Amino acid sequence: MQLSPQQLTALTAYLRERQSPFADIQSAVQLKGGQSNPTFKLETARGPVILRMRPVSAGKWAHDVGREFKVLSALQNTNVPVPVPYLYCDDEAVIGGAFYLMQFVDGRIIDDCTLPGFTPPERRAVYKSFAEAFAALHAVDYQAVGLSDFGKPFDFVARQLKLHSAKFLEYEPAGNPDMAWLAEHLPQHIPAQTRTAIIHNDIRVGNVVLHPTEPKVIAILDWEMSTLGDPFADAALIALPYYFVPGNPQGTFAGVDTTALGLPSADELLRWYCAALGLKAFANAPFMAAFNLFRYASVYAGIASRFRQGLAVSADAANYANVVAPTARQARVVAEQALKRA
């Protein structure tokens, strides 16, 4: 989608009324990537700024950009690298959906998790910075930054399993035998949640901004799915490219010579995370990998469902239909291995 002349006129009037320094909009271009909230780069007389909006077609509880603005605001003055949020508008009459403005962070966004164009040492440095950035997030005292009401602090995995079991059947009423098996067996083996943190819930290299020239993370983006929960479940996503199947639209290390590229192993990624937090070991990594694959299979089914209904935000939404069943199969394989060790 693009912002229409009418939307830009209404947006300009709204920003001028609130004396925003970004009211003089010269152009608006939608940025690629993402399957949820349309994101636009606005060129203004004061420089570029980012607009994130809730899709016009969004359901009542979906795509809550207000939550994104809230968590970004709370994480200012912490060690977590995040853009500065400027303004939030919940009046959908302005441009057709709630929206917020945030800082444009000048850097590189690389969707491909293999980091093409980087040297092996640079890839290691990027992924070490990547793991440490999310460790910094999980180190934040959510109560101290005013996010005590940002979600239910405990039983995160159990609630997610229940939610995505139901959502998957909503998206694919015919069901899937692997998803049915996982929905039955995973809840019986949930590890005890020993810590609670602000979690991002969609950790991947494509959701961070890298420094323009240096191999390090300078901003974490796409906070739509953030909440309170089990940080081990969240951090397991750091190593998930090692579990994703070939053809996964979000990237995978399957079939990649990771040693030749200098990519760290799954164990190294999680060790870097633990070292940054002073933890001795990563708890229940195989189970958390299976849990996240199950969750992503459900999410992919939702993206495919929206595509079939003509409600997709991204042009590549059609690709997700092809990986739902393979991701569910991989989740079951990983789960069966994890439960044998338990």
Protein backbone atom coordinates (compact mmCIF):
# COMPACT_ATOMS: atom_id res chain seq x y z
CA MET A 1 0.00 0.00 0.00
CA GLN A 2 0.94 3.65 -0.32
CA LEU A 3 -0.28 6.71 1.52
CA SER A 4 -2.75 8.54 -0.69
CA PRO A 5 -2.62 12.31 -1.27
CA GLN A 6 -5.67 12.59 1.01
CA GLN A 7 -3.91 10.67 3.78
CA LEU A 8 -0.79 12.81 3.45
CA THR A 9 -2.86 15.98 3.60
CA ALA A 10 -4.65 14.77 6.74
CA LEU A 11 -1.36 13.64 8.30
CA THR A 12 0.26 17.01 7.59
CA ALA A 13 -2.66 18.86 9.17
CA TYR A 14 -2.56 16.62 12.24
CA LEU A 15 1.19 17.09 12.73
CA ARG A 16 0.97 20.86 12.26
CA GLU A 17 -1.81 21.06 14.82
CA ARG A 18 0.49 19.31 17.31
CA GLN A 19 3.47 21.46 16.32
CA SER A 20 5.49 18.43 15.26
CA PRO A 21 8.86 19.29 13.71
CA PHE A 22 8.10 16.69 11.02
CA ALA A 23 4.91 18.32 9.70
CA ASP A 24 6.50 19.48 6.43
CA ILE A 25 6.27 16.16 4.56
CA GLN A 26 7.96 16.09 1.16
CA SER A 27 7.46 12.40 0.27
CA ALA A 28 6.38 9.06 1.74
CA VAL A 29 7.71 5.68 0.64
CA GLN A 30 6.61 2.33 2.06
CA LEU A 31 9.52 0.23 3.26
CA LYS A 32 9.64 -3.41 2.25
CA GLY A 33 9.56 -6.30 4.70
CA GLY A 34 7.26 -7.19 7.56
CA GLN A 35 3.92 -8.94 7.45
CA SER A 36 1.96 -6.76 9.85
CA ASN A 37 2.18 -3.01 10.28
CA PRO A 38 2.86 -0.93 7.14
CA THR A 39 6.00 1.14 7.62
CA PHE A 40 6.80 4.35 5.74
CA LYS A 41 9.85 6.56 5.49
CA LEU A 42 8.71 10.17 5.42
CA GLU A 43 11.10 12.73 4.00
CA THR A 44 10.52 16.03 5.78
CA ALA A 45 12.15 19.44 5.97
CA ARG A 46 13.72 18.29 9.26
CA GLY A 47 15.04 15.06 7.79
CA PRO A 48 13.65 11.53 7.49
CA VAL A 49 11.29 9.99 10.04
CA ILE A 50 9.54 6.62 10.21
CA LEU A 51 5.76 6.16 10.39
CA ARG A 52 4.31 2.83 11.53
CA MET A 53 0.57 2.39 11.17
CA ARG A 54 -2.06 -0.15 12.00
CA PRO A 55 -3.52 -1.67 8.80
CA VAL A 56 -7.01 -0.55 7.87
CA SER A 57 -8.10 -4.21 7.72
CA ALA A 58 -6.72 -5.15 11.16
CA GLY A 59 -8.90 -7.08 13.60
CA LYS A 60 -9.92 -5.59 16.93
CA TRP A 61 -6.89 -6.80 18.90
CA ALA A 62 -4.29 -7.17 16.16
CA HIS A 63 -1.44 -4.93 15.05
CA ASP A 64 -1.41 -2.75 18.16
CA VAL A 65 1.04 0.03 17.30
CA GLY A 66 0.24 1.60 20.65
CA ARG A 67 2.09 -1.28 22.33
CA GLU A 68 5.08 -0.67 20.08
CA PHE A 69 5.14 3.00 21.05
CA LYS A 70 4.79 2.13 24.73
CA VAL A 71 7.70 -0.31 24.83
CA LEU A 72 9.96 1.94 22.75
CA SER A 73 9.20 4.80 25.14
CA ALA A 74 9.93 2.61 28.17
CA LEU A 75 13.26 1.42 26.77
CA GLN A 76 14.69 4.90 26.32
CA ASN A 77 17.57 5.48 28.76
CA THR A 78 18.31 1.74 28.99
CA ASN A 79 21.12 -0.23 27.36
CA VAL A 80 18.74 -1.59 24.71
CA PRO A 81 19.40 -0.10 21.25
CA VAL A 82 16.04 1.23 20.06
CA PRO A 83 14.82 4.17 17.94
CA VAL A 84 13.40 7.24 19.67
CA PRO A 85 9.57 7.36 19.52
CA TYR A 86 8.19 10.84 18.85
CA LEU A 87 4.40 10.84 18.66
CA TYR A 88 1.48 8.40 18.88
CA CYS A 89 -2.00 8.90 17.41
CA ASP A 90 -4.86 6.51 18.20
CA ASP A 91 -7.38 8.44 16.08
CA GLU A 92 -7.96 6.15 13.10
CA ALA A 93 -9.86 8.90 11.29
CA VAL A 94 -6.60 10.72 10.49
CA ILE A 95 -5.05 8.25 8.02
CA GLY A 96 -7.23 5.15 8.43
CA GLY A 97 -5.35 3.51 11.29
CA ALA A 98 -3.55 4.34 14.52
CA PHE A 99 0.08 5.31 13.91
CA TYR A 100 3.24 6.60 15.49
CA LEU A 101 6.37 8.42 14.39
CA MET A 102 9.83 7.32 15.41
CA GLN A 103 13.45 8.11 14.68
CA PHE A 104 14.89 7.02 11.36
CA VAL A 105 18.03 5.05 12.23
CA ASP A 106 20.53 5.26 9.40
CA GLY A 107 22.09 1.86 8.91
CA ARG A 108 21.79 -1.50 7.17
CA ILE A 109 18.81 -3.85 7.38
CA ILE A 110 19.80 -7.30 6.09
CA ASP A 111 16.93 -9.75 5.67
CA ASP A 112 19.20 -12.65 4.74
CA CYS A 113 20.44 -14.31 7.94
CA THR A 114 23.59 -15.53 6.16
CA LEU A 115 24.69 -11.87 5.84
CA PRO A 116 25.83 -11.84 2.20
CA GLY A 117 28.64 -9.40 1.48
CA PHE A 118 30.13 -9.68 4.99
CA THR A 119 33.47 -11.29 5.78
CA PRO A 120 33.57 -14.28 8.17
CA PRO A 121 34.92 -12.15 11.07
CA GLU A 122 32.24 -9.54 10.41
CA ARG A 123 29.50 -12.18 10.50
CA ARG A 124 30.70 -13.40 13.90
CA ALA A 125 30.87 -9.86 15.19
CA VAL A 126 27.35 -9.07 13.97
CA TYR A 127 25.87 -12.15 15.60
CA LYS A 128 27.72 -11.57 18.86
CA SER A 129 26.32 -8.02 18.94
CA PHE A 130 22.91 -9.45 17.98
CA ALA A 131 22.89 -11.89 20.91
CA GLU A 132 24.12 -9.21 23.29
CA ALA A 133 21.46 -6.71 22.18
CA PHE A 134 18.66 -9.08 23.17
CA ALA A 135 20.47 -10.01 26.36
CA ALA A 136 20.39 -6.29 27.17
CA LEU A 137 16.63 -6.32 26.60
CA HIS A 138 16.13 -9.27 28.92
CA ALA A 139 18.26 -7.57 31.59
CA VAL A 140 15.86 -4.61 31.86
CA ASP A 141 13.76 -4.47 35.02
CA TYR A 142 10.30 -4.30 33.46
CA GLN A 143 8.76 -2.92 36.63
CA ALA A 144 11.35 -0.16 36.96
CA VAL A 145 10.64 1.11 33.42
CA GLY A 146 6.88 1.16 33.92
CA LEU A 147 5.89 -2.01 32.06
CA SER A 148 4.34 -4.00 34.90
CA ASP A 149 1.06 -4.00 32.93
CA PHE A 150 2.64 -4.94 29.59
CA GLY A 151 1.52 -8.57 29.84
CA LYS A 152 1.02 -11.47 32.19
CA PRO A 153 4.41 -12.17 33.77
CA PHE A 154 4.17 -15.95 34.13
CA ASP A 155 3.04 -19.07 32.21
CA PHE A 156 4.08 -17.50 28.92
CA VAL A 157 4.78 -20.73 27.04
CA ALA A 158 1.56 -22.39 28.19
CA ARG A 159 -0.51 -19.40 27.12
CA GLN A 160 1.24 -19.20 23.75
CA LEU A 161 0.70 -22.90 23.08
CA LYS A 162 -3.00 -22.54 23.83
CA LEU A 163 -3.30 -19.40 21.70
CA HIS A 164 -1.49 -20.75 18.65
CA SER A 165 -3.22 -24.11 18.79
CA ALA A 166 -6.54 -22.28 18.51
CA LYS A 167 -5.32 -19.76 15.93
CA PHE A 168 -3.90 -22.47 13.68
CA LEU A 169 -7.26 -24.24 13.50
CA GLU A 170 -8.85 -20.90 12.73
CA TYR A 171 -6.43 -20.38 9.84
CA GLU A 172 -6.47 -24.03 8.66
CA PRO A 173 -9.73 -25.70 9.77
CA ALA A 174 -8.66 -29.00 8.21
CA GLY A 175 -5.81 -29.12 10.71
CA ASN A 176 -2.38 -30.72 10.44
CA PRO A 177 -1.29 -33.97 12.15
CA ASP A 178 2.05 -32.58 13.32
CA MET A 179 0.44 -29.47 14.78
CA ALA A 180 -2.14 -31.66 16.51
CA TRP A 181 0.63 -33.83 18.00
CA LEU A 182 2.53 -30.77 19.20
CA ALA A 183 -0.60 -29.19 20.68
CA GLU A 184 -1.12 -32.36 22.70
CA HIS A 185 2.45 -33.13 23.81
CA LEU A 186 4.23 -29.80 24.28
CA PRO A 187 1.91 -28.57 27.07
CA GLN A 188 2.74 -31.70 29.06
CA HIS A 189 6.46 -30.88 29.18
CA ILE A 190 6.68 -27.09 29.64
CA PRO A 191 9.80 -26.14 31.65
CA ALA A 192 9.18 -24.04 34.73
CA GLN A 193 9.50 -20.32 34.01
CA THR A 194 12.23 -19.05 36.33
CA ARG A 195 12.61 -15.51 34.98
CA THR A 196 10.30 -12.85 33.55
CA ALA A 197 11.43 -10.15 31.16
CA ILE A 198 10.32 -7.84 28.39
CA ILE A 199 10.47 -10.08 25.34
CA HIS A 200 10.59 -9.08 21.68
CA ASN A 201 8.89 -12.24 20.41
CA ASP A 202 10.12 -11.90 16.81
CA ILE A 203 13.91 -12.03 17.10
CA ARG A 204 15.67 -12.32 13.75
CA VAL A 205 18.50 -10.50 12.05
CA GLY A 206 16.08 -8.78 9.66
CA ASN A 207 14.50 -7.00 12.62
CA VAL A 208 17.61 -5.08 13.61
CA VAL A 209 19.52 -2.18 12.09
CA LEU A 210 23.26 -2.68 11.65
CA HIS A 211 25.76 0.16 11.80
CA PRO A 212 26.38 1.65 8.30
CA THR A 213 29.98 0.39 8.23
CA GLU A 214 30.71 -1.52 11.44
CA PRO A 215 29.53 -5.09 12.23
CA LYS A 216 27.25 -4.27 15.16
CA VAL A 217 23.58 -3.80 15.99
CA ILE A 218 22.50 -0.20 16.54
CA ALA A 219 18.71 -0.59 16.79
CA ILE A 220 16.07 -3.27 17.34
CA LEU A 221 12.90 -2.84 15.27
CA ASP A 222 9.41 -4.37 14.92
CA TRP A 223 8.10 -4.51 18.49
CA GLU A 224 4.51 -5.42 17.59
CA MET A 225 4.67 -8.84 19.26
CA SER A 226 6.53 -7.71 22.37
CA THR A 227 5.14 -8.53 25.81
CA LEU A 228 6.23 -9.91 29.17
CA GLY A 229 7.29 -13.53 29.20
CA ASP A 230 9.95 -16.17 29.51
CA PRO A 231 13.26 -14.75 28.22
CA PHE A 232 14.59 -18.25 27.46
CA ALA A 233 11.70 -18.78 25.04
CA ASP A 234 12.51 -15.44 23.41
CA ALA A 235 16.29 -15.91 23.31
CA ALA A 236 15.94 -19.34 21.70
CA LEU A 237 14.91 -17.43 18.58
CA ILE A 238 18.49 -16.16 18.27
CA ALA A 239 19.56 -19.64 17.11
CA LEU A 240 16.38 -20.57 15.21
CA PRO A 241 17.92 -20.24 11.71
CA TYR A 242 19.66 -23.54 12.55
CA TYR A 243 16.23 -25.18 12.88
CA PHE A 244 14.30 -23.51 10.07
CA VAL A 245 13.68 -25.66 7.01
CA PRO A 246 14.96 -24.89 3.46
CA GLY A 247 12.90 -22.27 1.70
CA ASN A 248 11.85 -20.48 4.86
CA PRO A 249 11.02 -16.88 3.80
CA GLN A 250 12.55 -15.53 7.01
CA GLY A 251 15.88 -17.17 6.29
CA THR A 252 17.58 -20.39 7.33
CA PHE A 253 21.02 -21.88 7.78
CA ALA A 254 19.79 -25.18 6.29
CA GLY A 255 22.09 -26.24 3.47
CA VAL A 256 24.56 -23.44 4.28
CA ASP A 257 28.27 -24.03 4.93
CA THR A 258 28.17 -22.04 8.15
CA THR A 259 31.82 -22.79 8.97
CA ALA A 260 33.07 -21.39 5.67
CA LEU A 261 30.95 -18.26 6.12
CA GLY A 262 32.18 -17.78 9.67
CA LEU A 263 28.69 -18.04 11.13
CA PRO A 264 28.65 -18.98 14.82
CA SER A 265 27.10 -22.28 15.88
CA ALA A 266 23.78 -22.41 17.69
CA ASP A 267 25.64 -23.20 20.92
CA GLU A 268 27.94 -20.21 20.46
CA LEU A 269 25.02 -17.86 19.89
CA LEU A 270 23.35 -18.97 23.10
CA ARG A 271 26.65 -18.90 25.02
CA TRP A 272 27.17 -15.28 23.99
CA TYR A 273 23.68 -14.49 25.22
CA CYS A 274 24.29 -16.22 28.55
CA ALA A 275 27.69 -14.56 29.00
CA ALA A 276 26.15 -11.11 28.54
CA LEU A 277 23.68 -11.88 31.34
CA GLY A 278 26.09 -13.73 33.61
CA LEU A 279 24.16 -16.98 33.22
CA LYS A 280 25.95 -20.32 33.50
CA ALA A 281 23.84 -22.14 30.91
CA PHE A 282 20.90 -21.74 28.56
CA ALA A 283 17.86 -23.53 29.97
CA ASN A 284 15.87 -25.99 27.83
CA ALA A 285 17.12 -24.83 24.44
CA PRO A 286 15.77 -27.84 22.41
CA PHE A 287 12.28 -27.55 23.90
CA MET A 288 12.22 -23.81 23.29
CA ALA A 289 13.29 -24.35 19.69
CA ALA A 290 10.39 -26.77 19.15
CA PHE A 291 8.00 -24.36 20.86
CA ASN A 292 9.08 -21.51 18.59
CA LEU A 293 8.83 -23.61 15.44
CA PHE A 294 5.29 -24.56 16.46
CA ARG A 295 4.49 -20.91 17.04
CA TYR A 296 5.96 -19.86 13.71
CA ALA A 297 4.03 -22.55 11.84
CA SER A 298 0.87 -20.97 13.25
CA VAL A 299 2.04 -17.46 12.39
CA TYR A 300 2.89 -18.53 8.84
CA ALA A 301 -0.57 -20.04 8.49
CA GLY A 302 -2.02 -16.70 9.54
CA ILE A 303 0.04 -14.82 6.96
CA ALA A 304 -1.05 -17.28 4.27
CA SER A 305 -4.67 -16.92 5.39
CA ARG A 306 -4.52 -13.13 5.12
CA PHE A 307 -3.01 -13.49 1.65
CA ARG A 308 -5.90 -15.71 0.54
CA GLN A 309 -8.32 -13.08 1.82
CA GLY A 310 -6.51 -10.30 -0.03
CA LEU A 311 -5.41 -8.67 3.25
CA ALA A 312 -1.65 -9.24 3.04
CA VAL A 313 0.64 -6.34 3.92
CA SER A 314 3.77 -7.66 2.19
CA ALA A 315 4.17 -8.79 -1.41
CA ASP A 316 5.92 -12.01 -0.36
CA ALA A 317 3.05 -13.22 1.84
CA ALA A 318 2.17 -15.97 -0.67
CA ASN A 319 5.49 -17.69 0.05
CA TYR A 320 4.50 -18.52 3.62
CA ALA A 321 1.80 -21.00 2.63
CA ASN A 322 4.49 -23.37 1.34
CA VAL A 323 6.40 -23.60 4.63
CA VAL A 324 3.55 -24.13 7.11
CA ALA A 325 3.54 -27.93 6.91
CA PRO A 326 7.37 -28.32 6.69
CA THR A 327 7.80 -26.03 9.72
CA ALA A 328 5.24 -28.04 11.67
CA ARG A 329 7.04 -31.27 10.72
CA GLN A 330 10.38 -29.82 11.83
CA ALA A 331 8.83 -28.67 15.11
CA ARG A 332 7.65 -32.19 15.81
CA VAL A 333 11.04 -33.71 14.97
CA VAL A 334 12.83 -31.28 17.30
CA ALA A 335 10.20 -31.79 20.01
CA GLU A 336 10.44 -35.57 19.87
CA GLN A 337 14.22 -35.35 20.24
CA ALA A 338 13.92 -32.87 23.11
CA LEU A 339 11.34 -34.95 24.98
CA LYS A 340 13.49 -38.09 24.66
CA ARG A 341 16.29 -36.26 26.48
CA ALA A 342 13.97 -34.95 29.20
